[in-house]
């Protein structure tokens, strides 16, 4: 009996020591080391890739956002501001409070490729983008029509950015050539030269646009 109790206490003691050691290593030392390395080697990314303008934070280069007027349409949806480049469509929060780009509900619509709802929304977006930018519906690129998987895509294609350049230039009283050059200057190439597509970060582009408008 005594041997059994003694063995039980030894096993419990070993388990408790293992628990304490693993808690210290995995719950304290490891997080501190990872956080330290991240802050030292990847400080910007570790802190959310924050973007600042005029001395204040205006967003993250990793998260898309809208650029709207204070006005809303008849359905309660915010109206896009013609003075800014607009992001691609978003399904994140599109069915809640008539808003999009809601981080807490990041995700896609999950509609199938042959969904009538999806096809209808794509055609509506095509008409809206074409009318807003004063271009032919056939010239609207695909990323202006479909929402990203995250619903928070911060980038658009160079084609979509160039399509908006004339409208943005006119709304800001800027030369169209200068705005097109701005798009070219803010076009990032493929990752490692071969992965993905060329892209334009909308937030950074709009910040540069504001600086151009001030000059």
N, C-alpha and C. Protein backbone atom coordinates (compact mmCIF):
# COMPACT_ATOMS: atom_id res chain seq x y z
N UNK A 1 0.83 -1.20 0.00
CA UNK A 1 0.00 0.00 0.00
C UNK A 1 0.86 1.25 0.00
N UNK A 2 1.89 1.23 0.89
CA UNK A 2 2.78 2.38 0.97
C UNK A 2 3.53 2.61 -0.33
N UNK A 3 3.96 1.48 -0.94
CA UNK A 3 4.67 1.59 -2.22
C UNK A 3 3.78 2.20 -3.29
N UNK A 4 2.50 1.82 -3.28
CA UNK A 4 1.56 2.34 -4.28
C UNK A 4 1.35 3.83 -4.11
N UNK A 5 1.18 4.27 -2.87
CA UNK A 5 0.99 5.71 -2.60
C UNK A 5 2.25 6.48 -2.97
N UNK A 6 3.41 5.92 -2.63
CA UNK A 6 4.68 6.58 -2.93
C UNK A 6 4.88 6.72 -4.44
N UNK A 7 4.52 5.67 -5.18
CA UNK A 7 4.66 5.72 -6.64
C UNK A 7 3.72 6.76 -7.23
N UNK A 8 2.52 6.82 -6.67
CA UNK A 8 1.54 7.79 -7.18
C UNK A 8 2.04 9.21 -6.98
N UNK A 9 2.60 9.49 -5.81
CA UNK A 9 3.12 10.83 -5.54
C UNK A 9 4.31 11.17 -6.42
N UNK A 10 5.16 10.14 -6.70
CA UNK A 10 6.31 10.38 -7.57
C UNK A 10 5.84 10.75 -8.98
N UNK A 11 4.82 10.01 -9.47
CA UNK A 11 4.28 10.29 -10.80
C UNK A 11 3.64 11.68 -10.84
N UNK A 12 2.88 12.01 -9.81
CA UNK A 12 2.25 13.33 -9.74
C UNK A 12 3.30 14.44 -9.67
N UNK A 13 4.35 14.18 -8.91
CA UNK A 13 5.42 15.18 -8.80
C UNK A 13 6.12 15.39 -10.13
N UNK A 14 6.39 14.29 -10.84
CA UNK A 14 7.05 14.40 -12.15
C UNK A 14 6.15 15.15 -13.14
N UNK A 15 4.85 14.86 -13.08
CA UNK A 15 3.91 15.54 -13.97
C UNK A 15 3.84 17.02 -13.67
N UNK A 16 3.85 17.37 -12.38
CA UNK A 16 3.79 18.79 -11.99
C UNK A 16 5.04 19.53 -12.44
N UNK A 17 6.22 18.87 -12.27
CA UNK A 17 7.47 19.50 -12.70
C UNK A 17 7.48 19.70 -14.22
N UNK A 18 6.98 18.69 -14.95
CA UNK A 18 6.91 18.82 -16.41
C UNK A 18 5.98 19.95 -16.82
N UNK A 19 4.86 20.07 -16.09
CA UNK A 19 3.90 21.14 -16.38
C UNK A 19 4.54 22.51 -16.18
N UNK A 20 5.26 22.66 -15.07
CA UNK A 20 5.89 23.94 -14.77
C UNK A 20 6.97 24.29 -15.80
N UNK A 21 7.79 23.30 -16.15
CA UNK A 21 8.86 23.53 -17.12
C UNK A 21 8.28 23.90 -18.49
N UNK A 22 7.29 23.12 -18.95
CA UNK A 22 6.69 23.40 -20.26
C UNK A 22 5.96 24.73 -20.28
N UNK A 23 5.32 25.08 -19.15
CA UNK A 23 4.66 26.38 -19.06
C UNK A 23 5.67 27.51 -19.19
N UNK A 24 6.80 27.35 -18.51
CA UNK A 24 7.85 28.36 -18.56
C UNK A 24 8.44 28.48 -19.97
N UNK A 25 8.74 27.31 -20.57
CA UNK A 25 9.38 27.32 -21.89
C UNK A 25 8.41 27.78 -22.99
N UNK A 26 7.23 27.14 -23.02
CA UNK A 26 6.29 27.40 -24.11
C UNK A 26 5.42 28.65 -23.88
N UNK A 27 5.19 28.97 -22.61
CA UNK A 27 4.29 30.08 -22.33
C UNK A 27 4.98 31.39 -22.03
N UNK A 28 6.29 31.34 -21.73
CA UNK A 28 7.01 32.56 -21.38
C UNK A 28 8.23 32.77 -22.27
N UNK A 29 9.17 31.83 -22.22
CA UNK A 29 10.43 32.01 -22.94
C UNK A 29 10.21 32.05 -24.46
N UNK A 30 9.48 31.07 -25.01
CA UNK A 30 9.28 31.02 -26.46
C UNK A 30 8.57 32.26 -26.99
N UNK A 31 7.44 32.70 -26.38
CA UNK A 31 6.79 33.93 -26.88
C UNK A 31 7.70 35.16 -26.81
N UNK A 32 8.51 35.25 -25.74
CA UNK A 32 9.41 36.39 -25.61
C UNK A 32 10.48 36.37 -26.71
N UNK A 33 11.03 35.19 -26.99
CA UNK A 33 12.05 35.07 -28.03
C UNK A 33 11.47 35.41 -29.40
N UNK A 34 10.30 34.83 -29.71
CA UNK A 34 9.67 35.09 -31.01
C UNK A 34 9.32 36.58 -31.16
N UNK A 35 8.77 37.18 -30.11
CA UNK A 35 8.42 38.60 -30.14
C UNK A 35 9.68 39.45 -30.32
N UNK A 36 10.74 39.09 -29.61
CA UNK A 36 11.99 39.84 -29.72
C UNK A 36 12.57 39.77 -31.12
N UNK A 37 12.59 38.58 -31.71
CA UNK A 37 13.11 38.42 -33.07
C UNK A 37 12.25 39.19 -34.06
N UNK A 38 10.93 39.10 -33.89
CA UNK A 38 10.02 39.81 -34.80
C UNK A 38 10.22 41.32 -34.72
N UNK A 39 10.37 41.84 -33.51
CA UNK A 39 10.56 43.28 -33.34
C UNK A 39 11.91 43.74 -33.88
N UNK A 40 12.92 42.89 -33.76
CA UNK A 40 14.25 43.26 -34.22
C UNK A 40 14.41 43.13 -35.73
N UNK A 41 13.87 42.03 -36.29
CA UNK A 41 14.09 41.75 -37.71
C UNK A 41 12.94 42.20 -38.60
N UNK A 42 11.72 42.21 -38.07
CA UNK A 42 10.55 42.56 -38.89
C UNK A 42 9.66 43.55 -38.14
N UNK A 43 10.26 44.62 -37.67
CA UNK A 43 9.54 45.57 -36.80
C UNK A 43 8.26 46.09 -37.44
N UNK A 44 8.33 46.49 -38.70
CA UNK A 44 7.17 47.08 -39.37
C UNK A 44 6.03 46.06 -39.49
N UNK A 45 6.35 44.87 -39.98
CA UNK A 45 5.32 43.84 -40.17
C UNK A 45 4.77 43.35 -38.84
N UNK A 46 5.63 43.24 -37.84
CA UNK A 46 5.19 42.75 -36.54
C UNK A 46 4.21 43.71 -35.88
N UNK A 47 4.25 44.96 -36.27
CA UNK A 47 3.36 45.96 -35.68
C UNK A 47 2.21 46.34 -36.61
N UNK A 48 1.89 45.43 -37.54
CA UNK A 48 0.70 45.63 -38.37
C UNK A 48 0.91 46.39 -39.65
N UNK A 49 2.16 46.59 -40.08
CA UNK A 49 2.46 47.31 -41.33
C UNK A 49 1.71 48.64 -41.37
N UNK A 50 1.81 49.37 -40.26
CA UNK A 50 1.09 50.64 -40.11
C UNK A 50 1.60 51.68 -41.10
N UNK A 51 0.67 52.43 -41.67
CA UNK A 51 1.01 53.50 -42.60
C UNK A 51 0.60 54.83 -41.97
N UNK A 52 1.52 55.80 -41.99
CA UNK A 52 1.23 57.10 -41.41
C UNK A 52 1.27 58.20 -42.46
N UNK A 53 0.46 59.22 -42.25
CA UNK A 53 0.45 60.40 -43.12
C UNK A 53 0.11 61.60 -42.26
N UNK A 54 0.83 62.67 -42.46
CA UNK A 54 0.65 63.88 -41.66
C UNK A 54 0.78 63.61 -40.17
N UNK A 55 1.69 62.68 -39.83
CA UNK A 55 1.97 62.40 -38.44
C UNK A 55 0.97 61.52 -37.72
N UNK A 56 0.01 60.94 -38.43
CA UNK A 56 -0.97 60.08 -37.77
C UNK A 56 -1.18 58.80 -38.57
N UNK A 57 -1.63 57.77 -37.89
CA UNK A 57 -1.88 56.49 -38.53
C UNK A 57 -3.14 56.58 -39.39
N UNK A 58 -3.02 56.12 -40.64
CA UNK A 58 -4.17 56.17 -41.54
C UNK A 58 -4.59 54.78 -42.02
N UNK A 59 -3.93 53.75 -41.51
CA UNK A 59 -4.30 52.39 -41.89
C UNK A 59 -3.12 51.46 -41.95
N UNK A 60 -3.35 50.29 -42.50
CA UNK A 60 -2.30 49.29 -42.67
C UNK A 60 -2.17 48.98 -44.16
N UNK A 61 -0.95 48.79 -44.62
CA UNK A 61 -0.76 48.47 -46.03
C UNK A 61 -1.21 47.05 -46.34
N UNK A 62 -1.53 46.27 -45.31
CA UNK A 62 -1.99 44.89 -45.49
C UNK A 62 -3.51 44.75 -45.47
N UNK A 63 -4.22 45.83 -45.13
CA UNK A 63 -5.67 45.77 -45.02
C UNK A 63 -6.32 46.83 -45.90
N UNK A 64 -7.25 46.39 -46.74
CA UNK A 64 -7.96 47.32 -47.60
C UNK A 64 -8.95 48.15 -46.80
N UNK A 65 -9.33 49.28 -47.36
CA UNK A 65 -10.33 50.13 -46.74
C UNK A 65 -11.06 50.93 -47.81
N UNK A 66 -12.20 51.48 -47.45
CA UNK A 66 -12.99 52.26 -48.40
C UNK A 66 -12.62 53.74 -48.32
N UNK A 67 -12.95 54.46 -49.38
CA UNK A 67 -12.73 55.90 -49.45
C UNK A 67 -14.05 56.52 -49.90
N UNK A 68 -14.87 56.88 -48.92
CA UNK A 68 -16.25 57.28 -49.20
C UNK A 68 -16.53 58.73 -48.84
N UNK A 69 -17.62 59.22 -49.41
CA UNK A 69 -18.18 60.50 -49.02
C UNK A 69 -19.03 60.29 -47.76
N UNK A 70 -19.46 61.37 -47.16
CA UNK A 70 -20.35 61.26 -46.01
C UNK A 70 -21.77 60.91 -46.44
N UNK A 71 -22.05 61.05 -47.72
CA UNK A 71 -23.39 60.80 -48.23
C UNK A 71 -23.61 59.30 -48.46
N UNK A 72 -24.89 58.90 -48.50
CA UNK A 72 -25.26 57.51 -48.78
C UNK A 72 -26.32 57.48 -49.87
N UNK A 73 -26.41 56.34 -50.56
CA UNK A 73 -27.43 56.21 -51.60
C UNK A 73 -28.77 55.84 -50.97
N UNK A 74 -29.76 55.60 -51.83
CA UNK A 74 -31.11 55.32 -51.34
C UNK A 74 -31.21 54.03 -50.54
N UNK A 75 -30.24 53.13 -50.72
CA UNK A 75 -30.24 51.87 -49.98
C UNK A 75 -29.41 51.93 -48.70
N UNK A 76 -28.86 53.11 -48.43
CA UNK A 76 -28.05 53.28 -47.23
C UNK A 76 -26.60 52.91 -47.39
N UNK A 77 -26.16 52.66 -48.61
CA UNK A 77 -24.76 52.32 -48.87
C UNK A 77 -23.93 53.59 -49.04
N UNK A 78 -22.72 53.64 -48.50
CA UNK A 78 -21.87 54.82 -48.65
C UNK A 78 -21.49 55.04 -50.11
N UNK A 79 -21.41 56.30 -50.51
CA UNK A 79 -21.04 56.65 -51.88
C UNK A 79 -19.53 56.84 -51.97
N UNK A 80 -18.88 56.27 -52.97
CA UNK A 80 -17.42 56.41 -53.10
C UNK A 80 -17.02 57.85 -53.43
N UNK A 81 -15.90 58.26 -52.89
CA UNK A 81 -15.38 59.61 -53.12
C UNK A 81 -14.64 59.64 -54.45
N UNK A 82 -15.07 60.46 -55.41
CA UNK A 82 -14.41 60.50 -56.72
C UNK A 82 -12.99 61.04 -56.69
N UNK A 83 -12.59 61.67 -55.58
CA UNK A 83 -11.24 62.24 -55.50
C UNK A 83 -10.18 61.19 -55.18
N UNK A 84 -10.62 59.98 -54.82
CA UNK A 84 -9.66 58.95 -54.43
C UNK A 84 -9.77 57.70 -55.30
N UNK A 85 -8.66 56.98 -55.40
CA UNK A 85 -8.68 55.67 -56.04
C UNK A 85 -9.46 54.74 -55.14
N UNK A 86 -10.31 53.93 -55.74
CA UNK A 86 -11.15 53.03 -54.98
C UNK A 86 -10.59 51.60 -55.01
N UNK A 87 -10.81 50.85 -53.92
CA UNK A 87 -10.32 49.46 -53.85
C UNK A 87 -11.24 48.53 -54.63
N UNK A 88 -10.90 47.28 -54.64
CA UNK A 88 -11.77 46.30 -55.30
C UNK A 88 -12.98 46.02 -54.41
N UNK A 89 -13.93 45.30 -54.95
CA UNK A 89 -15.14 44.98 -54.19
C UNK A 89 -14.79 44.13 -52.98
N UNK A 90 -15.63 44.19 -51.96
CA UNK A 90 -15.41 43.42 -50.74
C UNK A 90 -16.70 42.77 -50.29
N UNK A 91 -16.60 41.51 -49.85
CA UNK A 91 -17.76 40.81 -49.32
C UNK A 91 -17.72 40.78 -47.80
N UNK A 92 -16.68 41.34 -47.21
CA UNK A 92 -16.53 41.35 -45.76
C UNK A 92 -17.50 42.35 -45.14
N UNK A 93 -18.59 41.85 -44.61
CA UNK A 93 -19.57 42.72 -43.98
C UNK A 93 -20.58 43.29 -44.95
N UNK A 94 -20.59 42.81 -46.19
CA UNK A 94 -21.48 43.38 -47.19
C UNK A 94 -22.95 43.19 -46.86
N UNK A 95 -23.23 42.19 -46.03
CA UNK A 95 -24.63 41.93 -45.68
C UNK A 95 -24.98 42.40 -44.26
N UNK A 96 -24.07 43.16 -43.66
CA UNK A 96 -24.34 43.68 -42.32
C UNK A 96 -24.21 45.19 -42.32
N UNK A 97 -25.27 45.86 -41.98
CA UNK A 97 -25.28 47.31 -41.86
C UNK A 97 -24.89 48.00 -43.17
N UNK A 98 -25.03 47.30 -44.30
CA UNK A 98 -24.73 47.86 -45.60
C UNK A 98 -23.30 48.42 -45.70
N UNK A 99 -22.39 47.81 -45.00
CA UNK A 99 -21.01 48.26 -45.06
C UNK A 99 -20.11 47.13 -45.53
N UNK A 100 -18.91 47.51 -46.01
CA UNK A 100 -17.93 46.53 -46.46
C UNK A 100 -16.61 46.78 -45.74
N UNK A 101 -15.66 45.89 -45.99
CA UNK A 101 -14.33 45.98 -45.38
C UNK A 101 -14.41 45.99 -43.86
N UNK A 102 -15.25 45.12 -43.30
CA UNK A 102 -15.33 44.96 -41.85
C UNK A 102 -14.36 43.86 -41.43
N UNK A 103 -13.32 44.24 -40.71
CA UNK A 103 -12.26 43.31 -40.34
C UNK A 103 -12.79 42.14 -39.52
N UNK A 104 -13.76 42.39 -38.66
CA UNK A 104 -14.24 41.33 -37.77
C UNK A 104 -14.98 40.23 -38.51
N UNK A 105 -15.40 40.49 -39.75
CA UNK A 105 -16.09 39.46 -40.53
C UNK A 105 -15.36 39.22 -41.85
N UNK A 106 -14.04 39.26 -41.79
CA UNK A 106 -13.24 39.04 -42.99
C UNK A 106 -13.57 37.71 -43.64
N UNK A 107 -13.74 37.73 -44.95
CA UNK A 107 -14.03 36.50 -45.67
C UNK A 107 -14.67 36.77 -47.00
N UNK A 108 -14.86 35.72 -47.76
CA UNK A 108 -15.47 35.82 -49.08
C UNK A 108 -16.97 35.60 -48.98
N UNK A 109 -17.66 35.74 -50.11
CA UNK A 109 -19.10 35.52 -50.14
C UNK A 109 -19.46 34.04 -50.14
N UNK A 110 -18.50 33.20 -50.57
CA UNK A 110 -18.70 31.75 -50.67
C UNK A 110 -19.77 31.37 -51.70
N UNK A 111 -20.06 32.28 -52.62
CA UNK A 111 -21.00 31.97 -53.68
C UNK A 111 -20.31 31.16 -54.77
N UNK A 112 -21.01 30.18 -55.33
CA UNK A 112 -20.44 29.34 -56.39
C UNK A 112 -20.27 30.15 -57.67
N UNK A 113 -19.39 29.68 -58.53
CA UNK A 113 -19.11 30.40 -59.78
C UNK A 113 -20.34 30.53 -60.67
N UNK A 114 -21.28 29.60 -60.55
CA UNK A 114 -22.49 29.65 -61.36
C UNK A 114 -23.69 30.22 -60.60
N UNK A 115 -23.40 30.84 -59.44
CA UNK A 115 -24.48 31.43 -58.63
C UNK A 115 -25.12 32.62 -59.35
N UNK A 116 -26.44 32.62 -59.43
CA UNK A 116 -27.14 33.74 -60.06
C UNK A 116 -26.95 35.02 -59.26
N UNK A 117 -26.85 34.88 -57.94
CA UNK A 117 -26.62 36.05 -57.09
C UNK A 117 -25.26 36.67 -57.41
N UNK A 118 -24.24 35.81 -57.55
CA UNK A 118 -22.89 36.29 -57.87
C UNK A 118 -22.87 36.94 -59.25
N UNK A 119 -23.47 36.29 -60.23
CA UNK A 119 -23.47 36.83 -61.59
C UNK A 119 -24.18 38.18 -61.65
N UNK A 120 -25.28 38.29 -60.91
CA UNK A 120 -26.02 39.55 -60.87
C UNK A 120 -25.19 40.66 -60.22
N UNK A 121 -24.50 40.32 -59.13
CA UNK A 121 -23.69 41.32 -58.44
C UNK A 121 -22.51 41.76 -59.29
N UNK A 122 -21.92 40.83 -60.04
CA UNK A 122 -20.80 41.16 -60.92
C UNK A 122 -21.25 42.12 -62.02
N UNK A 123 -22.40 41.85 -62.62
CA UNK A 123 -22.91 42.73 -63.66
C UNK A 123 -23.28 44.11 -63.10
N UNK A 124 -23.78 44.13 -61.87
CA UNK A 124 -24.11 45.41 -61.24
C UNK A 124 -22.84 46.21 -60.96
N UNK A 125 -21.81 45.51 -60.48
CA UNK A 125 -20.54 46.18 -60.23
C UNK A 125 -19.94 46.71 -61.52
N UNK A 126 -20.06 45.94 -62.59
CA UNK A 126 -19.53 46.37 -63.88
C UNK A 126 -20.19 47.68 -64.32
N UNK A 127 -21.50 47.73 -64.17
CA UNK A 127 -22.23 48.94 -64.55
C UNK A 127 -21.88 50.12 -63.65
N UNK A 128 -21.76 49.85 -62.35
CA UNK A 128 -21.46 50.92 -61.39
C UNK A 128 -20.06 51.48 -61.61
N UNK A 129 -19.07 50.60 -61.78
CA UNK A 129 -17.68 51.05 -61.98
C UNK A 129 -17.55 51.82 -63.29
N UNK A 130 -18.20 51.32 -64.33
CA UNK A 130 -18.14 51.99 -65.63
C UNK A 130 -18.76 53.38 -65.55
N UNK A 131 -19.92 53.49 -64.91
CA UNK A 131 -20.59 54.78 -64.80
C UNK A 131 -19.80 55.75 -63.92
N UNK A 132 -19.24 55.24 -62.83
CA UNK A 132 -18.50 56.09 -61.89
C UNK A 132 -17.24 56.67 -62.52
N UNK A 133 -16.62 55.88 -63.39
CA UNK A 133 -15.36 56.30 -64.00
C UNK A 133 -15.53 56.83 -65.43
N UNK A 134 -16.75 56.77 -65.94
CA UNK A 134 -17.01 57.27 -67.28
C UNK A 134 -16.31 56.49 -68.36
N UNK A 135 -16.34 55.15 -68.24
CA UNK A 135 -15.69 54.29 -69.22
C UNK A 135 -16.68 53.26 -69.73
N UNK A 136 -16.26 52.53 -70.74
CA UNK A 136 -17.10 51.46 -71.29
C UNK A 136 -17.12 50.27 -70.33
N UNK A 137 -18.26 49.62 -70.13
CA UNK A 137 -18.33 48.44 -69.25
C UNK A 137 -17.35 47.34 -69.66
N UNK A 138 -17.08 47.23 -70.94
CA UNK A 138 -16.17 46.18 -71.42
C UNK A 138 -14.72 46.41 -70.98
N UNK A 139 -14.40 47.63 -70.56
CA UNK A 139 -13.02 47.94 -70.18
C UNK A 139 -12.76 47.73 -68.69
N UNK A 140 -13.78 47.38 -67.93
CA UNK A 140 -13.62 47.20 -66.48
C UNK A 140 -12.89 45.88 -66.21
N UNK A 141 -11.75 45.92 -65.51
CA UNK A 141 -10.98 44.68 -65.24
C UNK A 141 -11.66 43.80 -64.21
N UNK A 142 -11.26 42.54 -64.19
CA UNK A 142 -11.94 41.55 -63.36
C UNK A 142 -11.83 41.83 -61.88
N UNK A 143 -10.70 42.42 -61.41
CA UNK A 143 -10.57 42.65 -59.98
C UNK A 143 -11.49 43.75 -59.47
N UNK A 144 -12.07 44.53 -60.39
CA UNK A 144 -13.05 45.53 -59.99
C UNK A 144 -14.43 44.91 -59.83
N UNK A 145 -14.59 43.69 -60.31
CA UNK A 145 -15.90 43.03 -60.33
C UNK A 145 -16.06 41.96 -59.26
N UNK A 146 -14.96 41.37 -58.84
CA UNK A 146 -15.02 40.25 -57.89
C UNK A 146 -14.36 40.63 -56.57
N UNK A 147 -14.89 40.09 -55.50
CA UNK A 147 -14.31 40.34 -54.17
C UNK A 147 -13.20 39.33 -53.90
N UNK A 148 -12.23 39.73 -53.10
CA UNK A 148 -11.11 38.84 -52.77
C UNK A 148 -11.55 37.81 -51.74
N UNK A 149 -10.72 36.79 -51.55
CA UNK A 149 -11.04 35.74 -50.58
C UNK A 149 -11.11 36.27 -49.16
N UNK A 150 -10.26 37.25 -48.84
CA UNK A 150 -10.27 37.82 -47.49
C UNK A 150 -11.31 38.91 -47.33
N UNK A 151 -11.67 39.55 -48.45
CA UNK A 151 -12.56 40.70 -48.37
C UNK A 151 -11.84 41.96 -47.92
N UNK A 152 -10.52 41.86 -47.71
CA UNK A 152 -9.74 42.99 -47.19
C UNK A 152 -8.50 43.24 -48.05
N UNK A 153 -8.57 42.89 -49.33
CA UNK A 153 -7.43 43.02 -50.22
C UNK A 153 -7.01 44.49 -50.32
N UNK A 154 -5.75 44.82 -49.99
CA UNK A 154 -5.31 46.22 -50.03
C UNK A 154 -4.87 46.68 -51.42
N UNK A 155 -4.76 45.74 -52.36
CA UNK A 155 -4.20 46.05 -53.67
C UNK A 155 -5.24 45.94 -54.79
N UNK A 156 -4.98 46.65 -55.86
CA UNK A 156 -5.74 46.50 -57.10
C UNK A 156 -4.75 46.31 -58.23
N UNK A 157 -5.23 45.90 -59.37
CA UNK A 157 -4.37 45.72 -60.53
C UNK A 157 -3.98 47.07 -61.12
N UNK A 158 -2.84 47.15 -61.80
CA UNK A 158 -2.49 48.40 -62.48
C UNK A 158 -3.55 48.82 -63.49
N UNK A 159 -4.21 47.84 -64.11
CA UNK A 159 -5.27 48.14 -65.08
C UNK A 159 -6.42 48.89 -64.42
N UNK A 160 -6.81 48.44 -63.24
CA UNK A 160 -7.91 49.09 -62.53
C UNK A 160 -7.50 50.49 -62.05
N UNK A 161 -6.25 50.62 -61.62
CA UNK A 161 -5.75 51.93 -61.19
C UNK A 161 -5.71 52.91 -62.36
N UNK A 162 -5.23 52.45 -63.51
CA UNK A 162 -5.17 53.33 -64.68
C UNK A 162 -6.56 53.72 -65.16
N UNK A 163 -7.51 52.79 -65.03
CA UNK A 163 -8.89 53.09 -65.43
C UNK A 163 -9.46 54.23 -64.58
N UNK A 164 -9.04 54.32 -63.33
CA UNK A 164 -9.56 55.35 -62.43
C UNK A 164 -8.81 56.68 -62.54
N UNK A 165 -7.66 56.66 -63.20
CA UNK A 165 -6.78 57.83 -63.21
C UNK A 165 -7.45 59.08 -63.78
N UNK A 166 -8.19 58.95 -64.88
CA UNK A 166 -8.83 60.11 -65.49
C UNK A 166 -9.85 60.74 -64.54
N UNK A 167 -10.65 59.91 -63.91
CA UNK A 167 -11.67 60.41 -62.97
C UNK A 167 -11.02 61.09 -61.78
N UNK A 168 -9.97 60.48 -61.22
CA UNK A 168 -9.28 61.04 -60.08
C UNK A 168 -8.62 62.37 -60.44
N UNK A 169 -7.99 62.43 -61.60
CA UNK A 169 -7.34 63.66 -62.03
C UNK A 169 -8.35 64.80 -62.17
N UNK A 170 -9.47 64.51 -62.80
CA UNK A 170 -10.50 65.53 -63.00
C UNK A 170 -11.08 66.01 -61.67
N UNK A 171 -11.34 65.10 -60.75
CA UNK A 171 -11.94 65.45 -59.46
C UNK A 171 -11.00 66.29 -58.61
N UNK A 172 -9.68 66.09 -58.80
CA UNK A 172 -8.69 66.84 -58.01
C UNK A 172 -8.10 68.02 -58.74
N UNK A 173 -8.52 68.22 -60.00
CA UNK A 173 -7.96 69.33 -60.78
C UNK A 173 -6.50 69.15 -61.11
N UNK A 174 -6.10 67.89 -61.36
CA UNK A 174 -4.71 67.57 -61.65
C UNK A 174 -4.55 67.12 -63.09
N UNK A 175 -3.36 67.26 -63.67
CA UNK A 175 -3.12 66.75 -65.03
C UNK A 175 -3.24 65.23 -65.05
N UNK A 176 -3.94 64.69 -66.01
CA UNK A 176 -4.13 63.25 -66.10
C UNK A 176 -2.80 62.52 -66.23
N UNK A 177 -1.86 63.12 -66.96
CA UNK A 177 -0.54 62.50 -67.14
C UNK A 177 0.18 62.34 -65.81
N UNK A 178 0.04 63.33 -64.93
CA UNK A 178 0.70 63.27 -63.62
C UNK A 178 0.11 62.16 -62.76
N UNK A 179 -1.20 61.98 -62.84
CA UNK A 179 -1.86 60.93 -62.05
C UNK A 179 -1.50 59.55 -62.60
N UNK A 180 -1.45 59.44 -63.92
CA UNK A 180 -1.05 58.16 -64.52
C UNK A 180 0.39 57.80 -64.13
N UNK A 181 1.25 58.82 -64.08
CA UNK A 181 2.64 58.58 -63.66
C UNK A 181 2.68 58.12 -62.22
N UNK A 182 1.81 58.69 -61.40
CA UNK A 182 1.73 58.29 -59.99
C UNK A 182 1.37 56.81 -59.88
N UNK A 183 0.45 56.36 -60.72
CA UNK A 183 0.07 54.95 -60.74
C UNK A 183 1.27 54.08 -61.10
N UNK A 184 2.00 54.51 -62.14
CA UNK A 184 3.18 53.75 -62.56
C UNK A 184 4.24 53.68 -61.47
N UNK A 185 4.43 54.80 -60.76
CA UNK A 185 5.44 54.84 -59.70
C UNK A 185 5.07 53.95 -58.52
N UNK A 186 3.77 53.67 -58.35
CA UNK A 186 3.33 52.88 -57.20
C UNK A 186 2.87 51.46 -57.60
N UNK A 187 3.31 51.03 -58.77
CA UNK A 187 3.02 49.67 -59.21
C UNK A 187 4.14 48.74 -58.78
N UNK A 188 3.81 47.77 -57.97
CA UNK A 188 4.79 46.79 -57.49
C UNK A 188 4.79 45.58 -58.41
N UNK A 189 5.99 45.05 -58.68
CA UNK A 189 6.12 43.90 -59.56
C UNK A 189 5.75 42.59 -58.88
N UNK A 190 5.89 41.52 -59.60
CA UNK A 190 5.60 40.19 -59.05
C UNK A 190 6.59 39.84 -57.95
N UNK A 191 6.13 39.05 -56.99
CA UNK A 191 6.98 38.62 -55.89
C UNK A 191 8.10 37.74 -56.44
N UNK A 192 9.34 38.10 -56.12
CA UNK A 192 10.54 37.40 -56.60
C UNK A 192 10.61 37.37 -58.12
N UNK A 193 9.86 38.25 -58.76
CA UNK A 193 9.91 38.37 -60.21
C UNK A 193 9.05 37.40 -60.99
N UNK A 194 8.41 36.44 -60.30
CA UNK A 194 7.63 35.46 -61.07
C UNK A 194 6.34 35.00 -60.37
N UNK A 195 6.16 35.34 -59.10
CA UNK A 195 4.96 34.89 -58.39
C UNK A 195 3.91 35.99 -58.33
N UNK A 196 2.65 35.62 -58.57
CA UNK A 196 1.57 36.58 -58.48
C UNK A 196 1.53 37.53 -59.66
N UNK A 197 0.86 38.65 -59.47
CA UNK A 197 0.71 39.65 -60.53
C UNK A 197 1.19 41.00 -60.04
N UNK A 198 1.37 41.92 -60.97
CA UNK A 198 1.69 43.29 -60.59
C UNK A 198 0.51 43.86 -59.82
N UNK A 199 0.78 44.76 -58.89
CA UNK A 199 -0.29 45.27 -58.04
C UNK A 199 0.01 46.70 -57.60
N UNK A 200 -1.06 47.38 -57.18
CA UNK A 200 -0.94 48.75 -56.69
C UNK A 200 -1.60 48.82 -55.33
N UNK A 201 -0.87 49.27 -54.32
CA UNK A 201 -1.44 49.42 -52.99
C UNK A 201 -2.27 50.70 -52.96
N UNK A 202 -3.58 50.56 -52.73
CA UNK A 202 -4.49 51.69 -52.84
C UNK A 202 -4.22 52.75 -51.78
N UNK A 203 -3.94 52.34 -50.55
CA UNK A 203 -3.68 53.30 -49.49
C UNK A 203 -2.46 54.15 -49.79
N UNK A 204 -1.36 53.52 -50.17
CA UNK A 204 -0.14 54.26 -50.48
C UNK A 204 -0.34 55.18 -51.68
N UNK A 205 -1.09 54.69 -52.66
CA UNK A 205 -1.35 55.50 -53.84
C UNK A 205 -2.17 56.73 -53.48
N UNK A 206 -3.16 56.58 -52.64
CA UNK A 206 -3.99 57.71 -52.25
C UNK A 206 -3.23 58.71 -51.39
N UNK A 207 -2.31 58.23 -50.58
CA UNK A 207 -1.48 59.14 -49.80
C UNK A 207 -0.61 59.98 -50.72
N UNK A 208 -0.01 59.32 -51.71
CA UNK A 208 0.81 60.04 -52.69
C UNK A 208 -0.04 61.02 -53.50
N UNK A 209 -1.27 60.63 -53.79
CA UNK A 209 -2.18 61.51 -54.51
C UNK A 209 -2.46 62.78 -53.72
N UNK A 210 -2.68 62.65 -52.44
CA UNK A 210 -2.94 63.81 -51.58
C UNK A 210 -1.74 64.74 -51.57
N UNK A 211 -0.54 64.16 -51.52
CA UNK A 211 0.68 64.99 -51.54
C UNK A 211 0.81 65.72 -52.87
N UNK A 212 0.47 65.04 -53.95
CA UNK A 212 0.53 65.67 -55.28
C UNK A 212 -0.48 66.81 -55.36
N UNK A 213 -1.66 66.60 -54.81
CA UNK A 213 -2.70 67.63 -54.85
C UNK A 213 -2.32 68.86 -54.03
N UNK A 214 -1.53 68.65 -52.98
CA UNK A 214 -1.11 69.77 -52.14
C UNK A 214 -0.01 70.60 -52.81
N UNK A 215 0.78 69.99 -53.66
CA UNK A 215 1.93 70.67 -54.25
C UNK A 215 1.52 71.64 -55.36
